[in-house]
């Protein structure tokens, strides 16, 4: 199986802002989870049998007349305290709720699942009924209304949630408006990201 990820990438100005925060975390706390990840918003991750099958899906789609664009607004910072995926406090930039962004996520997930085999065996004993249904339907837990679109800075271990660094991060003022036209697909292996292809929004 191959793990693939669908990302939305950002302009250099916003990317520079996130990288600045990543460097602050590294200088203060050393190596932490997600610090070496590229600046991006994850639409979804999936486990599939063949990369070539995924590429074929998007080759078949006539995207010449697709004019959709996403107007995204990044307007606050946030935290996932005691993140169960990392066992740390995950700091992120958050987006204003955007119904079109959620629609794009679901349309891609439905299309991929309809056309190729997506593994749904990796996670067991999912207690939350919404997460369980998402995984059964799409092979991805955080789809639809339960999804919180965000751009991760880092997940910091072995500090308290009320640490001064976290408090200051949550007080940051930010208001970026970005126009997005493309989605990028990557293969994820050993925490590394390998670019596969770019496609337009559906």
N, C-alpha and C. Protein backbone atom coordinates (compact mmCIF):
# COMPACT_ATOMS: atom_id res chain seq x y z
N UNK A 1 0.83 -1.20 0.00
CA UNK A 1 0.00 0.00 0.00
C UNK A 1 0.87 1.26 0.00
N UNK A 2 0.35 2.29 -0.66
CA UNK A 2 1.02 3.58 -0.69
C UNK A 2 0.14 4.60 0.04
N UNK A 3 0.77 5.39 0.89
CA UNK A 3 0.04 6.49 1.53
C UNK A 3 0.17 7.72 0.64
N UNK A 4 -0.99 8.28 0.28
CA UNK A 4 -0.97 9.50 -0.54
C UNK A 4 -1.69 10.62 0.22
N UNK A 5 -1.34 11.84 -0.10
CA UNK A 5 -1.94 13.00 0.56
C UNK A 5 -2.31 14.04 -0.48
N UNK A 6 -3.45 14.67 -0.28
CA UNK A 6 -3.89 15.78 -1.12
C UNK A 6 -3.70 17.07 -0.33
N UNK A 7 -2.87 17.96 -0.87
CA UNK A 7 -2.51 19.19 -0.19
C UNK A 7 -3.01 20.42 -0.94
N UNK A 8 -3.25 21.47 -0.19
CA UNK A 8 -3.35 22.82 -0.75
C UNK A 8 -2.12 23.57 -0.27
N UNK A 9 -1.39 24.14 -1.22
CA UNK A 9 -0.18 24.90 -0.90
C UNK A 9 -0.48 26.40 -0.97
N UNK A 10 0.43 27.21 -0.42
CA UNK A 10 0.17 28.63 -0.26
C UNK A 10 1.28 29.48 -0.88
N UNK A 11 1.00 30.78 -0.97
CA UNK A 11 2.00 31.68 -1.56
C UNK A 11 3.19 31.86 -0.62
N UNK A 12 4.26 32.42 -1.18
CA UNK A 12 5.52 32.55 -0.44
C UNK A 12 5.39 33.42 0.80
N UNK A 13 4.53 34.43 0.73
CA UNK A 13 4.38 35.35 1.86
C UNK A 13 3.84 34.62 3.09
N UNK A 14 2.77 33.85 2.91
CA UNK A 14 2.22 33.12 4.04
C UNK A 14 3.14 31.98 4.46
N UNK A 15 3.73 31.31 3.48
CA UNK A 15 4.66 30.22 3.78
C UNK A 15 5.80 30.71 4.67
N UNK A 16 6.30 31.90 4.36
CA UNK A 16 7.39 32.48 5.14
C UNK A 16 6.97 32.70 6.59
N UNK A 17 5.72 33.11 6.79
CA UNK A 17 5.20 33.36 8.14
C UNK A 17 5.16 32.06 8.95
N UNK A 18 4.70 30.98 8.32
CA UNK A 18 4.62 29.70 9.02
C UNK A 18 6.02 29.16 9.31
N UNK A 19 6.93 29.28 8.34
CA UNK A 19 8.30 28.81 8.55
C UNK A 19 8.99 29.57 9.68
N UNK A 20 8.66 30.84 9.82
CA UNK A 20 9.21 31.64 10.92
C UNK A 20 8.78 31.04 12.26
N UNK A 21 7.50 30.65 12.37
CA UNK A 21 7.01 30.04 13.60
C UNK A 21 7.63 28.67 13.84
N UNK A 22 7.82 27.90 12.77
CA UNK A 22 8.47 26.60 12.90
C UNK A 22 9.88 26.76 13.45
N UNK A 23 10.60 27.76 12.96
CA UNK A 23 11.96 28.01 13.45
C UNK A 23 11.97 28.43 14.91
N UNK A 24 10.96 29.19 15.32
CA UNK A 24 10.86 29.58 16.72
C UNK A 24 10.67 28.36 17.62
N UNK A 25 9.82 27.43 17.18
CA UNK A 25 9.60 26.20 17.94
C UNK A 25 10.90 25.40 18.02
N UNK A 26 11.58 25.27 16.88
CA UNK A 26 12.82 24.48 16.84
C UNK A 26 13.89 25.08 17.75
N UNK A 27 14.04 26.40 17.72
CA UNK A 27 15.04 27.07 18.55
C UNK A 27 14.72 26.95 20.04
N UNK A 28 13.44 26.91 20.36
CA UNK A 28 13.02 26.87 21.76
C UNK A 28 12.97 25.45 22.32
N UNK A 29 12.47 24.49 21.50
CA UNK A 29 12.19 23.16 22.01
C UNK A 29 12.93 22.04 21.28
N UNK A 30 13.74 22.39 20.29
CA UNK A 30 14.46 21.37 19.54
C UNK A 30 13.55 20.65 18.55
N UNK A 31 13.95 19.47 18.13
CA UNK A 31 13.20 18.72 17.12
C UNK A 31 11.83 18.31 17.65
N UNK A 32 10.78 18.64 16.88
CA UNK A 32 9.42 18.29 17.25
C UNK A 32 8.67 17.75 16.03
N UNK A 33 7.59 17.04 16.28
CA UNK A 33 6.80 16.46 15.19
C UNK A 33 6.21 17.56 14.32
N UNK A 34 6.23 17.33 13.01
CA UNK A 34 5.69 18.21 11.96
C UNK A 34 6.59 19.39 11.60
N UNK A 35 7.67 19.60 12.35
CA UNK A 35 8.53 20.75 12.03
C UNK A 35 9.11 20.65 10.62
N UNK A 36 9.42 19.43 10.17
CA UNK A 36 10.05 19.27 8.86
C UNK A 36 9.03 19.05 7.74
N UNK A 37 7.74 19.15 8.05
CA UNK A 37 6.73 19.02 7.01
C UNK A 37 6.60 20.32 6.22
N UNK A 38 6.33 20.23 4.92
CA UNK A 38 6.13 21.45 4.14
C UNK A 38 4.88 22.19 4.60
N UNK A 39 4.84 23.50 4.34
CA UNK A 39 3.68 24.31 4.72
C UNK A 39 2.53 23.96 3.79
N UNK A 40 1.43 23.47 4.38
CA UNK A 40 0.31 23.03 3.55
C UNK A 40 -0.94 22.86 4.40
N UNK A 41 -2.06 22.74 3.72
CA UNK A 41 -3.31 22.31 4.32
C UNK A 41 -3.63 20.93 3.75
N UNK A 42 -3.87 19.97 4.62
CA UNK A 42 -4.17 18.62 4.17
C UNK A 42 -5.67 18.47 3.93
N UNK A 43 -6.04 18.16 2.69
CA UNK A 43 -7.43 17.85 2.38
C UNK A 43 -7.78 16.45 2.89
N UNK A 44 -6.88 15.50 2.64
CA UNK A 44 -7.08 14.14 3.11
C UNK A 44 -5.82 13.33 2.85
N UNK A 45 -5.72 12.20 3.53
CA UNK A 45 -4.71 11.19 3.24
C UNK A 45 -5.43 9.85 3.03
N UNK A 46 -4.89 9.02 2.15
CA UNK A 46 -5.49 7.73 1.85
C UNK A 46 -4.40 6.69 1.64
N UNK A 47 -4.75 5.44 1.80
CA UNK A 47 -3.85 4.33 1.48
C UNK A 47 -4.41 3.60 0.26
N UNK A 48 -3.62 3.54 -0.80
CA UNK A 48 -4.08 2.95 -2.06
C UNK A 48 -3.06 1.92 -2.55
N UNK A 49 -3.48 1.07 -3.49
CA UNK A 49 -2.60 0.01 -3.99
C UNK A 49 -1.60 0.51 -5.02
N UNK A 50 -2.06 1.39 -5.92
CA UNK A 50 -1.21 1.81 -7.03
C UNK A 50 -1.26 3.33 -7.22
N UNK A 51 -0.10 3.94 -7.28
CA UNK A 51 -0.02 5.37 -7.59
C UNK A 51 -0.52 5.61 -9.02
N UNK A 52 -0.21 4.70 -9.91
CA UNK A 52 -0.61 4.86 -11.31
C UNK A 52 -2.13 4.91 -11.46
N UNK A 53 -2.84 4.17 -10.61
CA UNK A 53 -4.31 4.18 -10.66
C UNK A 53 -4.86 5.55 -10.28
N UNK A 54 -4.23 6.17 -9.29
CA UNK A 54 -4.65 7.52 -8.88
C UNK A 54 -4.41 8.52 -10.01
N UNK A 55 -3.26 8.42 -10.65
CA UNK A 55 -2.95 9.34 -11.75
C UNK A 55 -3.93 9.18 -12.89
N UNK A 56 -4.35 7.94 -13.16
CA UNK A 56 -5.28 7.68 -14.25
C UNK A 56 -6.63 8.35 -14.02
N UNK A 57 -7.06 8.39 -12.77
CA UNK A 57 -8.33 9.05 -12.44
C UNK A 57 -8.33 10.49 -12.93
N UNK A 58 -7.24 11.17 -12.64
CA UNK A 58 -7.19 12.60 -12.95
C UNK A 58 -6.84 12.87 -14.41
N UNK A 59 -6.24 11.91 -15.08
CA UNK A 59 -6.03 12.04 -16.52
C UNK A 59 -7.35 11.95 -17.27
N UNK A 60 -8.28 11.17 -16.73
CA UNK A 60 -9.56 10.96 -17.38
C UNK A 60 -10.49 12.17 -17.28
N UNK A 61 -10.22 13.03 -16.33
CA UNK A 61 -11.12 14.16 -16.08
C UNK A 61 -10.78 15.32 -17.00
N UNK A 62 -11.79 15.84 -17.66
CA UNK A 62 -11.60 17.02 -18.49
C UNK A 62 -11.71 18.25 -17.60
N UNK A 63 -10.59 18.85 -17.28
CA UNK A 63 -10.61 19.99 -16.34
C UNK A 63 -10.42 21.33 -17.05
N UNK A 64 -10.47 21.34 -18.36
CA UNK A 64 -10.22 22.58 -19.11
C UNK A 64 -11.24 23.66 -18.79
N UNK A 65 -12.47 23.24 -18.53
CA UNK A 65 -13.53 24.21 -18.30
C UNK A 65 -13.82 24.44 -16.83
N UNK A 66 -13.01 23.87 -15.99
CA UNK A 66 -13.22 24.04 -14.56
C UNK A 66 -12.64 25.39 -14.12
N UNK A 67 -13.52 26.27 -13.67
CA UNK A 67 -13.10 27.63 -13.32
C UNK A 67 -13.14 27.90 -11.81
N UNK A 68 -13.42 26.89 -11.03
CA UNK A 68 -13.57 27.10 -9.60
C UNK A 68 -12.27 27.59 -8.97
N UNK A 69 -12.44 28.52 -8.05
CA UNK A 69 -11.31 29.00 -7.26
C UNK A 69 -11.78 29.09 -5.82
N UNK A 70 -10.86 28.92 -4.92
CA UNK A 70 -11.16 28.99 -3.50
C UNK A 70 -10.62 30.29 -2.92
N UNK A 71 -11.49 31.04 -2.28
CA UNK A 71 -11.05 32.20 -1.53
C UNK A 71 -10.97 31.79 -0.06
N UNK A 72 -9.76 31.62 0.43
CA UNK A 72 -9.56 31.17 1.80
C UNK A 72 -9.11 32.34 2.68
N UNK A 73 -9.56 32.32 3.91
CA UNK A 73 -9.14 33.33 4.87
C UNK A 73 -8.56 32.64 6.10
N UNK A 74 -7.31 32.93 6.37
CA UNK A 74 -6.63 32.40 7.55
C UNK A 74 -6.68 33.50 8.60
N UNK A 75 -7.46 33.28 9.65
CA UNK A 75 -7.78 34.41 10.53
C UNK A 75 -7.52 34.19 12.01
N UNK A 76 -6.92 33.06 12.37
CA UNK A 76 -6.63 32.86 13.79
C UNK A 76 -5.61 31.74 13.97
N UNK A 77 -5.13 31.60 15.19
CA UNK A 77 -4.27 30.46 15.54
C UNK A 77 -5.05 29.54 16.47
N UNK A 78 -4.58 28.31 16.59
CA UNK A 78 -5.30 27.36 17.44
C UNK A 78 -4.39 26.26 17.95
N UNK A 79 -4.97 25.37 18.76
CA UNK A 79 -4.21 24.27 19.35
C UNK A 79 -5.10 23.04 19.45
N UNK A 80 -4.53 21.88 19.14
CA UNK A 80 -5.13 20.60 19.50
C UNK A 80 -4.39 20.11 20.74
N UNK A 81 -4.93 20.35 21.92
CA UNK A 81 -4.21 19.95 23.14
C UNK A 81 -4.20 18.44 23.30
N UNK A 82 -3.08 17.93 23.75
CA UNK A 82 -2.94 16.48 23.96
C UNK A 82 -3.39 15.70 22.73
N UNK A 83 -2.86 16.10 21.59
CA UNK A 83 -3.21 15.48 20.31
C UNK A 83 -2.98 13.97 20.38
N UNK A 84 -4.04 13.16 20.18
CA UNK A 84 -3.86 11.71 20.29
C UNK A 84 -2.93 11.12 19.23
N UNK A 85 -2.75 11.83 18.11
CA UNK A 85 -1.87 11.33 17.06
C UNK A 85 -0.39 11.54 17.38
N UNK A 86 -0.09 12.54 18.23
CA UNK A 86 1.31 12.89 18.48
C UNK A 86 1.70 12.84 19.95
N UNK A 87 0.71 12.83 20.83
CA UNK A 87 0.96 12.88 22.28
C UNK A 87 1.58 14.21 22.69
N UNK A 88 1.36 15.24 21.87
CA UNK A 88 1.85 16.58 22.19
C UNK A 88 0.75 17.60 21.96
N UNK A 89 1.09 18.88 22.10
CA UNK A 89 0.16 19.96 21.83
C UNK A 89 0.44 20.48 20.41
N UNK A 90 -0.53 20.34 19.52
CA UNK A 90 -0.32 20.69 18.12
C UNK A 90 -0.80 22.12 17.86
N UNK A 91 0.13 22.96 17.43
CA UNK A 91 -0.16 24.37 17.13
C UNK A 91 -0.44 24.53 15.64
N UNK A 92 -1.42 25.37 15.32
CA UNK A 92 -1.78 25.53 13.91
C UNK A 92 -2.39 26.90 13.63
N UNK A 93 -2.40 27.25 12.35
CA UNK A 93 -3.16 28.39 11.85
C UNK A 93 -4.50 27.87 11.35
N UNK A 94 -5.57 28.56 11.71
CA UNK A 94 -6.91 28.08 11.38
C UNK A 94 -7.56 28.94 10.29
N UNK A 95 -8.48 28.32 9.56
CA UNK A 95 -9.18 28.98 8.48
C UNK A 95 -10.61 29.30 8.88
N UNK A 96 -11.09 30.39 8.33
CA UNK A 96 -12.51 30.70 8.46
C UNK A 96 -13.29 29.62 7.74
N UNK A 97 -14.41 29.19 8.31
CA UNK A 97 -15.21 28.11 7.73
C UNK A 97 -15.58 28.44 6.29
N UNK A 98 -15.38 27.48 5.42
CA UNK A 98 -15.59 27.68 3.98
C UNK A 98 -16.31 26.47 3.41
N UNK A 99 -17.57 26.66 3.00
CA UNK A 99 -18.38 25.53 2.54
C UNK A 99 -17.84 24.95 1.23
N UNK A 100 -17.26 25.78 0.37
CA UNK A 100 -16.72 25.28 -0.89
C UNK A 100 -15.52 24.39 -0.65
N UNK A 101 -14.69 24.75 0.32
CA UNK A 101 -13.53 23.93 0.65
C UNK A 101 -13.97 22.54 1.11
N UNK A 102 -14.99 22.48 1.96
CA UNK A 102 -15.51 21.20 2.43
C UNK A 102 -16.09 20.40 1.27
N UNK A 103 -16.76 21.07 0.34
CA UNK A 103 -17.33 20.40 -0.82
C UNK A 103 -16.24 19.80 -1.70
N UNK A 104 -15.16 20.54 -1.90
CA UNK A 104 -14.03 20.05 -2.70
C UNK A 104 -13.46 18.79 -2.08
N UNK A 105 -13.28 18.80 -0.75
CA UNK A 105 -12.74 17.62 -0.07
C UNK A 105 -13.60 16.39 -0.32
N UNK A 106 -14.91 16.52 -0.11
CA UNK A 106 -15.82 15.39 -0.25
C UNK A 106 -15.90 14.91 -1.70
N UNK A 107 -15.90 15.82 -2.65
CA UNK A 107 -16.00 15.43 -4.06
C UNK A 107 -14.80 14.60 -4.49
N UNK A 108 -13.62 14.99 -4.05
CA UNK A 108 -12.41 14.22 -4.39
C UNK A 108 -12.43 12.86 -3.71
N UNK A 109 -12.82 12.82 -2.45
CA UNK A 109 -12.87 11.55 -1.72
C UNK A 109 -13.86 10.58 -2.36
N UNK A 110 -15.02 11.08 -2.73
CA UNK A 110 -16.04 10.22 -3.36
C UNK A 110 -15.55 9.70 -4.71
N UNK A 111 -14.94 10.58 -5.49
CA UNK A 111 -14.48 10.19 -6.82
C UNK A 111 -13.40 9.11 -6.74
N UNK A 112 -12.43 9.31 -5.86
CA UNK A 112 -11.34 8.35 -5.74
C UNK A 112 -11.87 7.00 -5.26
N UNK A 113 -12.73 7.02 -4.24
CA UNK A 113 -13.27 5.78 -3.71
C UNK A 113 -14.14 5.04 -4.71
N UNK A 114 -14.78 5.77 -5.60
CA UNK A 114 -15.63 5.15 -6.61
C UNK A 114 -14.80 4.44 -7.67
N UNK A 115 -13.61 4.96 -7.96
CA UNK A 115 -12.85 4.48 -9.10
C UNK A 115 -11.73 3.50 -8.76
N UNK A 116 -11.16 3.59 -7.56
CA UNK A 116 -10.08 2.67 -7.21
C UNK A 116 -10.25 2.14 -5.79
N UNK A 117 -9.50 1.10 -5.45
CA UNK A 117 -9.56 0.52 -4.12
C UNK A 117 -8.79 1.39 -3.12
N UNK A 118 -9.48 1.78 -2.06
CA UNK A 118 -8.87 2.53 -0.96
C UNK A 118 -8.89 1.64 0.27
N UNK A 119 -7.76 1.44 0.89
CA UNK A 119 -7.67 0.57 2.07
C UNK A 119 -8.40 1.19 3.26
N UNK A 120 -9.17 0.36 3.95
CA UNK A 120 -9.89 0.80 5.13
C UNK A 120 -9.65 -0.16 6.29
N UNK A 121 -8.43 -0.69 6.34
CA UNK A 121 -8.09 -1.70 7.35
C UNK A 121 -7.09 -1.19 8.39
N UNK A 122 -6.61 0.03 8.21
CA UNK A 122 -5.50 0.50 9.05
C UNK A 122 -5.88 0.88 10.46
N UNK A 123 -7.13 1.29 10.67
CA UNK A 123 -7.55 1.78 11.99
C UNK A 123 -8.69 0.91 12.50
N UNK A 124 -8.57 0.45 13.73
CA UNK A 124 -9.61 -0.39 14.32
C UNK A 124 -10.18 0.26 15.57
N UNK A 125 -11.34 -0.24 15.98
CA UNK A 125 -11.98 0.20 17.23
C UNK A 125 -12.20 1.71 17.27
N UNK A 126 -12.77 2.24 16.20
CA UNK A 126 -13.10 3.66 16.16
C UNK A 126 -14.42 3.86 16.91
N UNK A 127 -14.37 4.57 18.02
CA UNK A 127 -15.54 4.70 18.89
C UNK A 127 -16.49 5.81 18.43
N UNK A 128 -15.95 6.90 17.90
CA UNK A 128 -16.79 8.00 17.45
C UNK A 128 -17.55 7.57 16.19
N UNK A 129 -18.89 7.60 16.20
CA UNK A 129 -19.66 7.10 15.06
C UNK A 129 -19.44 7.90 13.76
N UNK A 130 -19.18 9.20 13.88
CA UNK A 130 -18.94 10.02 12.70
C UNK A 130 -17.60 9.66 12.07
N UNK A 131 -16.58 9.52 12.92
CA UNK A 131 -15.26 9.12 12.42
C UNK A 131 -15.31 7.73 11.80
N UNK A 132 -16.05 6.83 12.43
CA UNK A 132 -16.16 5.46 11.91
C UNK A 132 -16.82 5.46 10.53
N UNK A 133 -17.90 6.21 10.38
CA UNK A 133 -18.59 6.27 9.09
C UNK A 133 -17.68 6.87 8.02
N UNK A 134 -16.97 7.93 8.36
CA UNK A 134 -16.03 8.54 7.42
C UNK A 134 -14.99 7.53 6.95
N UNK A 135 -14.44 6.78 7.90
CA UNK A 135 -13.39 5.82 7.55
C UNK A 135 -13.96 4.69 6.69
N UNK A 136 -15.15 4.24 7.03
CA UNK A 136 -15.80 3.19 6.25
C UNK A 136 -16.14 3.67 4.84
N UNK A 137 -16.56 4.92 4.73
CA UNK A 137 -16.97 5.47 3.43
C UNK A 137 -15.79 5.89 2.57
N UNK A 138 -14.79 6.51 3.19
CA UNK A 138 -13.73 7.17 2.42
C UNK A 138 -12.32 6.67 2.70
N UNK A 139 -12.10 6.01 3.84
CA UNK A 139 -10.74 5.66 4.22
C UNK A 139 -10.01 6.82 4.86
N UNK A 140 -10.77 7.84 5.29
CA UNK A 140 -10.20 9.03 5.93
C UNK A 140 -11.15 9.47 7.04
N UNK A 141 -10.63 9.66 8.23
CA UNK A 141 -11.46 9.95 9.39
C UNK A 141 -12.13 11.32 9.34
N UNK A 142 -11.34 12.32 8.97
CA UNK A 142 -11.76 13.70 9.18
C UNK A 142 -12.35 14.31 7.91
N UNK A 143 -13.51 13.81 7.52
CA UNK A 143 -14.18 14.32 6.33
C UNK A 143 -15.47 15.03 6.74
N UNK A 144 -15.86 16.01 5.92
CA UNK A 144 -17.13 16.69 6.17
C UNK A 144 -17.08 17.65 7.34
N UNK A 145 -18.18 17.71 8.08
CA UNK A 145 -18.35 18.72 9.12
C UNK A 145 -17.38 18.56 10.28
N UNK A 146 -16.90 17.33 10.52
CA UNK A 146 -15.99 17.10 11.64
C UNK A 146 -14.56 17.57 11.33
N UNK A 147 -14.29 17.84 10.05
CA UNK A 147 -12.96 18.28 9.61
C UNK A 147 -12.70 19.71 10.04
N UNK A 148 -11.54 19.97 10.60
CA UNK A 148 -11.11 21.33 10.96
C UNK A 148 -9.92 21.69 10.06
N UNK A 149 -10.15 22.42 8.97
CA UNK A 149 -9.05 22.80 8.08
C UNK A 149 -8.02 23.64 8.83
N UNK A 150 -6.74 23.29 8.69
CA UNK A 150 -5.70 24.01 9.42
C UNK A 150 -4.35 23.81 8.76
N UNK A 151 -3.42 24.69 9.12
CA UNK A 151 -2.04 24.59 8.65
C UNK A 151 -1.17 24.39 9.90
N UNK A 152 -0.60 23.21 10.01
CA UNK A 152 0.14 22.85 11.22
C UNK A 152 1.51 23.53 11.28
N UNK A 153 1.86 24.01 12.46
CA UNK A 153 3.20 24.52 12.72
C UNK A 153 4.06 23.39 13.29
N UNK A 154 3.64 22.82 14.41
CA UNK A 154 4.39 21.75 15.05
C UNK A 154 3.54 21.16 16.17
N UNK A 155 3.93 19.98 16.63
CA UNK A 155 3.32 19.38 17.81
C UNK A 155 4.41 19.25 18.87
N UNK A 156 4.21 19.96 19.97
CA UNK A 156 5.26 20.07 20.98
C UNK A 156 4.97 19.14 22.15
N UNK A 157 5.95 18.30 22.46
CA UNK A 157 5.81 17.35 23.57
C UNK A 157 6.46 17.89 24.84
N UNK A 158 6.03 17.31 25.95
CA UNK A 158 6.67 17.52 27.25
C UNK A 158 6.63 18.96 27.73
N UNK A 159 5.57 19.68 27.39
CA UNK A 159 5.34 21.00 28.00
C UNK A 159 3.86 21.08 28.39
N UNK A 160 3.56 22.00 29.28
CA UNK A 160 2.18 22.18 29.72
C UNK A 160 1.39 22.98 28.68
N UNK A 161 0.10 22.76 28.70
CA UNK A 161 -0.76 23.48 27.75
C UNK A 161 -0.77 24.98 28.02
N UNK A 162 -0.50 25.37 29.27
CA UNK A 162 -0.49 26.79 29.62
C UNK A 162 0.91 27.40 29.57
N UNK A 163 1.84 26.74 28.89
CA UNK A 163 3.20 27.26 28.71
C UNK A 163 3.12 28.63 28.04
N UNK A 164 4.00 29.55 28.42
CA UNK A 164 3.99 30.91 27.90
C UNK A 164 4.12 30.95 26.38
N UNK A 165 4.92 30.05 25.82
CA UNK A 165 5.09 30.01 24.36
C UNK A 165 3.76 29.75 23.67
N UNK A 166 3.00 28.80 24.19
CA UNK A 166 1.69 28.48 23.61
C UNK A 166 0.72 29.64 23.79
N UNK A 167 0.73 30.24 24.97
CA UNK A 167 -0.15 31.39 25.21
C UNK A 167 0.12 32.51 24.22
N UNK A 168 1.40 32.79 23.98
CA UNK A 168 1.76 33.87 23.04
C UNK A 168 1.37 33.52 21.61
N UNK A 169 1.54 32.25 21.26
CA UNK A 169 1.15 31.83 19.91
C UNK A 169 -0.35 32.01 19.69
N UNK A 170 -1.15 31.66 20.69
CA UNK A 170 -2.60 31.76 20.57
C UNK A 170 -3.09 33.21 20.56
N UNK A 171 -2.23 34.14 20.97
CA UNK A 171 -2.59 35.56 20.95
C UNK A 171 -2.24 36.26 19.63
N UNK A 172 -1.52 35.55 18.76
CA UNK A 172 -1.08 36.17 17.51
C UNK A 172 -2.25 36.64 16.67
N UNK A 173 -2.11 37.82 16.08
CA UNK A 173 -3.12 38.36 15.16
C UNK A 173 -2.74 38.02 13.73
N UNK A 174 -3.68 37.51 12.97
CA UNK A 174 -3.39 37.14 11.59
C UNK A 174 -4.65 37.28 10.76
N UNK A 175 -4.48 37.75 9.53
CA UNK A 175 -5.61 37.86 8.62
C UNK A 175 -5.08 37.81 7.18
N UNK A 176 -4.96 36.60 6.66
CA UNK A 176 -4.48 36.38 5.29
C UNK A 176 -5.64 35.93 4.41
N UNK A 177 -5.79 36.57 3.26
CA UNK A 177 -6.77 36.13 2.28
C UNK A 177 -6.02 35.59 1.07
N UNK A 178 -6.35 34.36 0.69
CA UNK A 178 -5.60 33.67 -0.36
C UNK A 178 -6.54 33.09 -1.39
N UNK A 179 -6.15 33.18 -2.66
CA UNK A 179 -6.92 32.61 -3.76
C UNK A 179 -6.24 31.31 -4.19
N UNK A 180 -6.96 30.22 -4.14
CA UNK A 180 -6.42 28.89 -4.43
C UNK A 180 -7.08 28.31 -5.68
N UNK A 181 -6.28 27.75 -6.57
CA UNK A 181 -6.82 27.18 -7.80
C UNK A 181 -6.47 25.70 -7.96
N UNK A 182 -5.46 25.21 -7.23
CA UNK A 182 -4.95 23.86 -7.48
C UNK A 182 -4.86 23.01 -6.22
N UNK A 183 -4.86 21.72 -6.43
CA UNK A 183 -4.58 20.73 -5.39
C UNK A 183 -3.34 19.96 -5.83
N UNK A 184 -2.47 19.64 -4.88
CA UNK A 184 -1.27 18.86 -5.19
C UNK A 184 -1.34 17.52 -4.47
N UNK A 185 -0.97 16.46 -5.17
CA UNK A 185 -0.92 15.12 -4.58
C UNK A 185 0.53 14.73 -4.31
N UNK A 186 0.74 14.08 -3.16
CA UNK A 186 2.06 13.64 -2.73
C UNK A 186 1.99 12.19 -2.27
N UNK A 187 3.09 11.49 -2.43
CA UNK A 187 3.27 10.19 -1.78
C UNK A 187 4.02 10.44 -0.48
N UNK A 188 3.54 9.84 0.59
CA UNK A 188 4.15 10.03 1.91
C UNK A 188 4.83 8.74 2.32
N UNK A 189 6.13 8.82 2.61
CA UNK A 189 6.90 7.64 3.00
C UNK A 189 7.95 8.04 4.03
N UNK A 190 7.94 7.36 5.18
CA UNK A 190 8.91 7.65 6.24
C UNK A 190 8.99 9.13 6.57
N UNK A 191 7.80 9.74 6.66
CA UNK A 191 7.68 11.15 7.03
C UNK A 191 8.22 12.11 5.97
N UNK A 192 8.49 11.60 4.77
CA UNK A 192 8.92 12.43 3.65
C UNK A 192 7.77 12.56 2.66
N UNK A 193 7.75 13.68 1.92
CA UNK A 193 6.68 13.94 0.97
C UNK A 193 7.27 14.06 -0.43
N UNK A 194 6.74 13.26 -1.35
CA UNK A 194 7.24 13.23 -2.73
C UNK A 194 6.12 13.67 -3.68
N UNK A 195 6.37 14.77 -4.38
CA UNK A 195 5.35 15.33 -5.27
C UNK A 195 4.99 14.35 -6.37
N UNK A 196 3.68 14.19 -6.63
CA UNK A 196 3.20 13.32 -7.68
C UNK A 196 2.64 14.11 -8.87
N UNK A 197 1.63 14.94 -8.60
CA UNK A 197 1.04 15.74 -9.68
C UNK A 197 0.14 16.82 -9.08
N UNK A 198 -0.24 17.73 -9.94
CA UNK A 198 -1.13 18.83 -9.55
C UNK A 198 -2.40 18.74 -10.37
N UNK A 199 -3.53 19.12 -9.78
CA UNK A 199 -4.79 19.12 -10.50
C UNK A 199 -5.60 20.33 -10.10
N UNK A 200 -6.57 20.67 -10.94
CA UNK A 200 -7.46 21.78 -10.64
C UNK A 200 -8.51 21.36 -9.61
N UNK A 201 -9.18 22.35 -9.02
CA UNK A 201 -10.29 22.04 -8.14
C UNK A 201 -11.44 21.45 -8.96
N UNK A 202 -12.17 20.54 -8.38
CA UNK A 202 -13.33 19.95 -9.08
C UNK A 202 -14.55 20.85 -8.94
